């Protein structure tokens, strides 16, 4: 869609309420240390082409509606927002009556995401080397620490880049890879278009 209309940035109307719902949904199906529990980012670059910005994450739905009402501006409520067949609607009903703290929720989500990203960047900078953009060598300590959320994200991020994928490998792939690496034994595993080649000198990833 962004290519069709020539857009480099898309702005969404996600609010603090949407953020609370997103975190609640991810908590129900993720491991406790999952990065997704940090919620939605205020801005993200998609496929290195277009930005998705969420400027209203620090505001509640009622704040926006009150603002519009005070200025005589109406809005449209999507009927699907009342359809309990959708998980988000069920979560919304469950959270109704629980007043979110937009500023605090947004700050906590952003801080958690930033801390994780900073640590992942540090791990990639200190324990990963890439040759010709084709082969990545990972320190054995990083490869063996898949139980740690940030270490796992670092390994999967490299795998996504080497494999030419837009997203990190899925949960099943991550579990299979963790089981392979936990043995500490030499060998090879192919997953997500990538060969994970475990040797004494480290873990090598190549297409």
C-alpha atoms as a PDB file:
ATOM      1  CA  UNK A   1       0.000   0.000   0.000  1.00  0.00           C
ATOM      2  CA  UNK A   2       2.757   2.491   0.886  1.00  0.00           C
ATOM      3  CA  UNK A   3       4.431   1.851  -2.466  1.00  0.00           C
ATOM      4  CA  UNK A   4       1.169   2.310  -4.348  1.00  0.00           C
ATOM      5  CA  UNK A   5       0.519   5.740  -2.860  1.00  0.00           C
ATOM      6  CA  UNK A   6       4.168   6.769  -2.607  1.00  0.00           C
ATOM      7  CA  UNK A   7       4.089   7.155   1.180  1.00  0.00           C
ATOM      8  CA  UNK A   8       7.206   7.041   3.335  1.00  0.00           C
ATOM      9  CA  UNK A   9       5.286   7.337   6.610  1.00  0.00           C
ATOM     10  CA  UNK A  10       1.955   5.986   7.893  1.00  0.00           C
ATOM     11  CA  UNK A  11       0.422   7.416  11.093  1.00  0.00           C
ATOM     12  CA  UNK A  12      -1.935   5.219  13.115  1.00  0.00           C
ATOM     13  CA  UNK A  13      -4.417   6.139  15.852  1.00  0.00           C
ATOM     14  CA  UNK A  14      -3.340   3.523  18.422  1.00  0.00           C
ATOM     15  CA  UNK A  15      -3.942   4.812  21.950  1.00  0.00           C
ATOM     16  CA  UNK A  16      -2.831   3.922  25.472  1.00  0.00           C
ATOM     17  CA  UNK A  17      -5.913   1.685  25.666  1.00  0.00           C
ATOM     18  CA  UNK A  18      -4.762  -0.186  22.556  1.00  0.00           C
ATOM     19  CA  UNK A  19      -1.328  -0.504  24.142  1.00  0.00           C
ATOM     20  CA  UNK A  20      -2.785  -2.034  27.308  1.00  0.00           C
ATOM     21  CA  UNK A  21      -4.830  -4.480  25.231  1.00  0.00           C
ATOM     22  CA  UNK A  22      -1.816  -5.455  23.133  1.00  0.00           C
ATOM     23  CA  UNK A  23       0.302  -6.161  26.210  1.00  0.00           C
ATOM     24  CA  UNK A  24      -2.515  -8.172  27.819  1.00  0.00           C
ATOM     25  CA  UNK A  25      -2.918 -10.316  24.691  1.00  0.00           C
ATOM     26  CA  UNK A  26       0.801 -10.960  24.424  1.00  0.00           C
ATOM     27  CA  UNK A  27       1.038 -11.817  28.111  1.00  0.00           C
ATOM     28  CA  UNK A  28      -1.582 -14.517  27.620  1.00  0.00           C
ATOM     29  CA  UNK A  29       0.425 -16.359  24.972  1.00  0.00           C
ATOM     30  CA  UNK A  30       4.089 -15.487  25.536  1.00  0.00           C
ATOM     31  CA  UNK A  31       6.849 -16.526  27.885  1.00  0.00           C
ATOM     32  CA  UNK A  32       7.342 -14.031  30.764  1.00  0.00           C
ATOM     33  CA  UNK A  33      10.492 -12.459  29.312  1.00  0.00           C
ATOM     34  CA  UNK A  34       9.181 -12.034  25.780  1.00  0.00           C
ATOM     35  CA  UNK A  35      10.052  -8.733  24.152  1.00  0.00           C
ATOM     36  CA  UNK A  36       6.472  -8.399  22.918  1.00  0.00           C
ATOM     37  CA  UNK A  37       5.382  -7.647  26.476  1.00  0.00           C
ATOM     38  CA  UNK A  38       6.955  -4.230  26.028  1.00  0.00           C
ATOM     39  CA  UNK A  39       4.036  -3.328  23.783  1.00  0.00           C
ATOM     40  CA  UNK A  40       3.946  -1.343  20.553  1.00  0.00           C
ATOM     41  CA  UNK A  41       6.742   1.025  19.626  1.00  0.00           C
ATOM     42  CA  UNK A  42       6.026   4.707  18.990  1.00  0.00           C
ATOM     43  CA  UNK A  43       7.732   4.369  15.632  1.00  0.00           C
ATOM     44  CA  UNK A  44       9.069   1.504  13.545  1.00  0.00           C
ATOM     45  CA  UNK A  45      10.709   1.283  10.120  1.00  0.00           C
ATOM     46  CA  UNK A  46       8.998  -1.426   8.065  1.00  0.00           C
ATOM     47  CA  UNK A  47      11.039  -3.301   5.470  1.00  0.00           C
ATOM     48  CA  UNK A  48      13.534  -0.398   5.480  1.00  0.00           C
ATOM     49  CA  UNK A  49      11.090   1.591   3.357  1.00  0.00           C
ATOM     50  CA  UNK A  50       8.281   3.195   5.314  1.00  0.00           C
ATOM     51  CA  UNK A  51       7.795   4.394   8.869  1.00  0.00           C
ATOM     52  CA  UNK A  52       4.761   3.492  10.960  1.00  0.00           C
ATOM     53  CA  UNK A  53       4.272   6.154  13.633  1.00  0.00           C
ATOM     54  CA  UNK A  54       1.932   5.991  16.645  1.00  0.00           C
ATOM     55  CA  UNK A  55       1.776   9.510  18.138  1.00  0.00           C
ATOM     56  CA  UNK A  56      -1.252   8.853  20.391  1.00  0.00           C
ATOM     57  CA  UNK A  57       0.123   6.067  22.577  1.00  0.00           C
ATOM     58  CA  UNK A  58       0.315   8.440  25.530  1.00  0.00           C
ATOM     59  CA  UNK A  59      -3.388   9.353  25.231  1.00  0.00           C
ATOM     60  CA  UNK A  60      -6.504   7.382  26.133  1.00  0.00           C
ATOM     61  CA  UNK A  61      -9.508   6.938  23.827  1.00  0.00           C
ATOM     62  CA  UNK A  62     -11.602   9.193  26.059  1.00  0.00           C
ATOM     63  CA  UNK A  63      -8.958  11.953  25.782  1.00  0.00           C
ATOM     64  CA  UNK A  64      -9.224  11.921  21.999  1.00  0.00           C
ATOM     65  CA  UNK A  65     -13.023  11.713  21.996  1.00  0.00           C
ATOM     66  CA  UNK A  66     -13.297  14.547  24.528  1.00  0.00           C
ATOM     67  CA  UNK A  67     -11.017  16.672  22.344  1.00  0.00           C
ATOM     68  CA  UNK A  68     -13.132  16.000  19.252  1.00  0.00           C
ATOM     69  CA  UNK A  69     -16.417  16.535  21.084  1.00  0.00           C
ATOM     70  CA  UNK A  70     -15.259  19.893  22.431  1.00  0.00           C
ATOM     71  CA  UNK A  71     -14.645  20.992  18.846  1.00  0.00           C
ATOM     72  CA  UNK A  72     -17.821  19.564  17.370  1.00  0.00           C
ATOM     73  CA  UNK A  73     -16.000  16.914  15.367  1.00  0.00           C
ATOM     74  CA  UNK A  74     -17.538  13.470  15.036  1.00  0.00           C
ATOM     75  CA  UNK A  75     -15.931  10.087  14.485  1.00  0.00           C
ATOM     76  CA  UNK A  76     -16.801   6.641  13.178  1.00  0.00           C
ATOM     77  CA  UNK A  77     -16.824   3.545  15.400  1.00  0.00           C
ATOM     78  CA  UNK A  78     -15.977   0.372  13.501  1.00  0.00           C
ATOM     79  CA  UNK A  79     -18.767  -2.198  14.197  1.00  0.00           C
ATOM     80  CA  UNK A  80     -16.134  -4.938  14.471  1.00  0.00           C
ATOM     81  CA  UNK A  81     -14.971  -3.280  17.700  1.00  0.00           C
ATOM     82  CA  UNK A  82     -18.034  -4.802  19.365  1.00  0.00           C
ATOM     83  CA  UNK A  83     -17.637  -8.289  17.904  1.00  0.00           C
ATOM     84  CA  UNK A  84     -16.464 -10.637  20.662  1.00  0.00           C
ATOM     85  CA  UNK A  85     -15.253 -13.158  18.084  1.00  0.00           C
ATOM     86  CA  UNK A  86     -12.090 -11.066  18.031  1.00  0.00           C
ATOM     87  CA  UNK A  87      -9.525 -11.512  20.798  1.00  0.00           C
ATOM     88  CA  UNK A  88      -8.886  -7.787  21.162  1.00  0.00           C
ATOM     89  CA  UNK A  89     -12.575  -7.087  21.770  1.00  0.00           C
ATOM     90  CA  UNK A  90     -12.736  -9.756  24.477  1.00  0.00           C
ATOM     91  CA  UNK A  91      -9.632  -8.333  26.137  1.00  0.00           C
ATOM     92  CA  UNK A  92     -11.101  -4.842  25.871  1.00  0.00           C
ATOM     93  CA  UNK A  93     -14.200  -5.963  27.730  1.00  0.00           C
ATOM     94  CA  UNK A  94     -12.049  -7.659  30.374  1.00  0.00           C
ATOM     95  CA  UNK A  95     -10.067  -4.459  30.897  1.00  0.00           C
ATOM     96  CA  UNK A  96     -13.114  -2.175  30.936  1.00  0.00           C
ATOM     97  CA  UNK A  97     -13.340  -0.224  34.156  1.00  0.00           C
ATOM     98  CA  UNK A  98      -9.593  -0.459  34.677  1.00  0.00           C
ATOM     99  CA  UNK A  99      -8.377   3.043  33.978  1.00  0.00           C
ATOM    100  CA  UNK A 100      -5.036   2.947  32.189  1.00  0.00           C
ATOM    101  CA  UNK A 101      -2.259   5.296  33.157  1.00  0.00           C
ATOM    102  CA  UNK A 102      -1.268   6.380  29.636  1.00  0.00           C
ATOM    103  CA  UNK A 103       1.913   8.221  30.490  1.00  0.00           C
ATOM    104  CA  UNK A 104       3.193   5.554  32.870  1.00  0.00           C
ATOM    105  CA  UNK A 105       2.218   2.652  30.616  1.00  0.00           C
ATOM    106  CA  UNK A 106       3.806   4.266  27.575  1.00  0.00           C
ATOM    107  CA  UNK A 107       6.989   5.145  29.449  1.00  0.00           C
ATOM    108  CA  UNK A 108       7.341   1.649  30.904  1.00  0.00           C
ATOM    109  CA  UNK A 109       6.757   0.011  27.521  1.00  0.00           C
ATOM    110  CA  UNK A 110       9.222   2.294  25.771  1.00  0.00           C
ATOM    111  CA  UNK A 111      11.883   1.899  28.453  1.00  0.00           C
ATOM    112  CA  UNK A 112      11.609  -1.903  28.393  1.00  0.00           C
ATOM    113  CA  UNK A 113      11.940  -1.986  24.618  1.00  0.00           C
ATOM    114  CA  UNK A 114      14.865   0.449  24.625  1.00  0.00           C
ATOM    115  CA  UNK A 115      16.781  -1.441  27.321  1.00  0.00           C
ATOM    116  CA  UNK A 116      16.327  -4.712  25.458  1.00  0.00           C
ATOM    117  CA  UNK A 117      17.378  -3.198  22.127  1.00  0.00           C
ATOM    118  CA  UNK A 118      20.455  -1.604  23.690  1.00  0.00           C
ATOM    119  CA  UNK A 119      21.535  -4.937  25.176  1.00  0.00           C
ATOM    120  CA  UNK A 120      20.908  -6.790  21.921  1.00  0.00           C
ATOM    121  CA  UNK A 121      22.991  -4.200  20.074  1.00  0.00           C
ATOM    122  CA  UNK A 122      25.795  -4.630  22.636  1.00  0.00           C
ATOM    123  CA  UNK A 123      25.719  -8.413  22.230  1.00  0.00           C
ATOM    124  CA  UNK A 124      25.797  -8.161  18.447  1.00  0.00           C
ATOM    125  CA  UNK A 125      28.688  -5.715  18.567  1.00  0.00           C
ATOM    126  CA  UNK A 126      30.814  -7.720  20.992  1.00  0.00           C
ATOM    127  CA  UNK A 127      30.002 -11.355  20.211  1.00  0.00           C
ATOM    128  CA  UNK A 128      29.224 -11.462  16.493  1.00  0.00           C
ATOM    129  CA  UNK A 129      31.423 -10.907  13.455  1.00  0.00           C
ATOM    130  CA  UNK A 130      30.229 -10.942   9.844  1.00  0.00           C
ATOM    131  CA  UNK A 131      32.380 -11.689   6.798  1.00  0.00           C
ATOM    132  CA  UNK A 132      31.415 -10.205   3.435  1.00  0.00           C
ATOM    133  CA  UNK A 133      27.836  -9.932   4.640  1.00  0.00           C
ATOM    134  CA  UNK A 134      27.448 -13.643   4.003  1.00  0.00           C
ATOM    135  CA  UNK A 135      28.778 -15.584   7.006  1.00  0.00           C
ATOM    136  CA  UNK A 136      28.278 -14.675  10.659  1.00  0.00           C
ATOM    137  CA  UNK A 137      30.412 -16.117  13.465  1.00  0.00           C
ATOM    138  CA  UNK A 138      28.859 -16.082  16.934  1.00  0.00           C
ATOM    139  CA  UNK A 139      30.698 -16.432  20.215  1.00  0.00           C
ATOM    140  CA  UNK A 140      29.958 -19.846  21.803  1.00  0.00           C
ATOM    141  CA  UNK A 141      28.736 -18.120  24.981  1.00  0.00           C
ATOM    142  CA  UNK A 142      26.056 -16.231  23.047  1.00  0.00           C
ATOM    143  CA  UNK A 143      24.984 -19.343  21.157  1.00  0.00           C
ATOM    144  CA  UNK A 144      24.611 -21.310  24.399  1.00  0.00           C
ATOM    145  CA  UNK A 145      22.496 -18.639  26.115  1.00  0.00           C
ATOM    146  CA  UNK A 146      19.225 -18.990  24.186  1.00  0.00           C
ATOM    147  CA  UNK A 147      17.281 -19.063  27.471  1.00  0.00           C
ATOM    148  CA  UNK A 148      18.037 -15.352  27.847  1.00  0.00           C
ATOM    149  CA  UNK A 149      15.517 -13.268  25.894  1.00  0.00           C
ATOM    150  CA  UNK A 150      18.014 -10.693  24.621  1.00  0.00           C
ATOM    151  CA  UNK A 151      20.608 -13.285  23.646  1.00  0.00           C
ATOM    152  CA  UNK A 152      17.922 -15.252  21.830  1.00  0.00           C
ATOM    153  CA  UNK A 153      16.793 -12.128  20.010  1.00  0.00           C
ATOM    154  CA  UNK A 154      20.379 -11.387  18.972  1.00  0.00           C
ATOM    155  CA  UNK A 155      20.836 -14.871  17.498  1.00  0.00           C
ATOM    156  CA  UNK A 156      17.470 -14.780  15.744  1.00  0.00           C
ATOM    157  CA  UNK A 157      18.130 -11.271  14.386  1.00  0.00           C
ATOM    158  CA  UNK A 158      21.343 -12.430  12.742  1.00  0.00           C
ATOM    159  CA  UNK A 159      19.496 -15.453  11.367  1.00  0.00           C
ATOM    160  CA  UNK A 160      16.824 -13.211   9.858  1.00  0.00           C
ATOM    161  CA  UNK A 161      19.426 -11.024   8.146  1.00  0.00           C
ATOM    162  CA  UNK A 162      21.486 -13.938   6.808  1.00  0.00           C
ATOM    163  CA  UNK A 163      18.317 -15.715   5.683  1.00  0.00           C
ATOM    164  CA  UNK A 164      16.966 -12.623   3.958  1.00  0.00           C
ATOM    165  CA  UNK A 165      13.779 -12.569   6.000  1.00  0.00           C
ATOM    166  CA  UNK A 166      11.800  -9.526   7.127  1.00  0.00           C
ATOM    167  CA  UNK A 167      10.889 -11.032  10.519  1.00  0.00           C
ATOM    168  CA  UNK A 168      12.605 -13.106  13.174  1.00  0.00           C
ATOM    169  CA  UNK A 169      12.181 -16.892  12.961  1.00  0.00           C
ATOM    170  CA  UNK A 170       9.047 -18.167  14.682  1.00  0.00           C
ATOM    171  CA  UNK A 171       8.667 -19.758  18.095  1.00  0.00           C
ATOM    172  CA  UNK A 172       8.958 -23.353  16.850  1.00  0.00           C
ATOM    173  CA  UNK A 173      12.175 -22.581  14.989  1.00  0.00           C
ATOM    174  CA  UNK A 174      13.577 -20.808  18.052  1.00  0.00           C
ATOM    175  CA  UNK A 175      12.797 -23.798  20.283  1.00  0.00           C
ATOM    176  CA  UNK A 176      14.352 -26.247  17.808  1.00  0.00           C
ATOM    177  CA  UNK A 177      17.445 -24.071  17.548  1.00  0.00           C
ATOM    178  CA  UNK A 178      17.732 -23.714  21.337  1.00  0.00           C
ATOM    179  CA  UNK A 179      17.559 -27.495  21.732  1.00  0.00           C
ATOM    180  CA  UNK A 180      20.300 -27.932  19.124  1.00  0.00           C
ATOM    181  CA  UNK A 181      22.601 -25.330  20.671  1.00  0.00           C
ATOM    182  CA  UNK A 182      22.063 -26.465  24.265  1.00  0.00           C
ATOM    183  CA  UNK A 183      23.908 -29.728  23.610  1.00  0.00           C
ATOM    184  CA  UNK A 184      27.164 -27.911  22.951  1.00  0.00           C
ATOM    185  CA  UNK A 185      28.022 -30.557  20.379  1.00  0.00           C
ATOM    186  CA  UNK A 186      29.341 -29.890  16.882  1.00  0.00           C
ATOM    187  CA  UNK A 187      26.876 -30.341  14.055  1.00  0.00           C
ATOM    188  CA  UNK A 188      24.569 -28.569  11.635  1.00  0.00           C
ATOM    189  CA  UNK A 189      20.952 -27.528  11.667  1.00  0.00           C
ATOM    190  CA  UNK A 190      19.063 -25.857   8.835  1.00  0.00           C
ATOM    191  CA  UNK A 191      16.216 -23.497   9.739  1.00  0.00           C
ATOM    192  CA  UNK A 192      14.720 -20.340   8.264  1.00  0.00           C
ATOM    193  CA  UNK A 193      16.891 -20.510   5.120  1.00  0.00           C
ATOM    194  CA  UNK A 194      19.994 -20.544   7.319  1.00  0.00           C
ATOM    195  CA  UNK A 195      22.557 -23.232   8.139  1.00  0.00           C
ATOM    196  CA  UNK A 196      23.581 -23.150  11.800  1.00  0.00           C
ATOM    197  CA  UNK A 197      27.017 -24.762  11.737  1.00  0.00           C
ATOM    198  CA  UNK A 198      28.287 -25.499  15.259  1.00  0.00           C
ATOM    199  CA  UNK A 199      32.081 -25.981  15.534  1.00  0.00           C
ATOM    200  CA  UNK A 200      34.628 -25.813  18.327  1.00  0.00           C
ATOM    201  CA  UNK A 201      35.528 -22.263  17.332  1.00  0.00           C
ATOM    202  CA  UNK A 202      31.939 -21.028  17.489  1.00  0.00           C
ATOM    203  CA  UNK A 203      28.618 -21.011  15.732  1.00  0.00           C
ATOM    204  CA  UNK A 204      28.601 -20.090  12.039  1.00  0.00           C
ATOM    205  CA  UNK A 205      25.521 -18.927  10.156  1.00  0.00           C
ATOM    206  CA  UNK A 206      25.287 -18.848   6.387  1.00  0.00           C
ATOM    207  CA  UNK A 207      22.577 -18.968   3.741  1.00  0.00           C
END
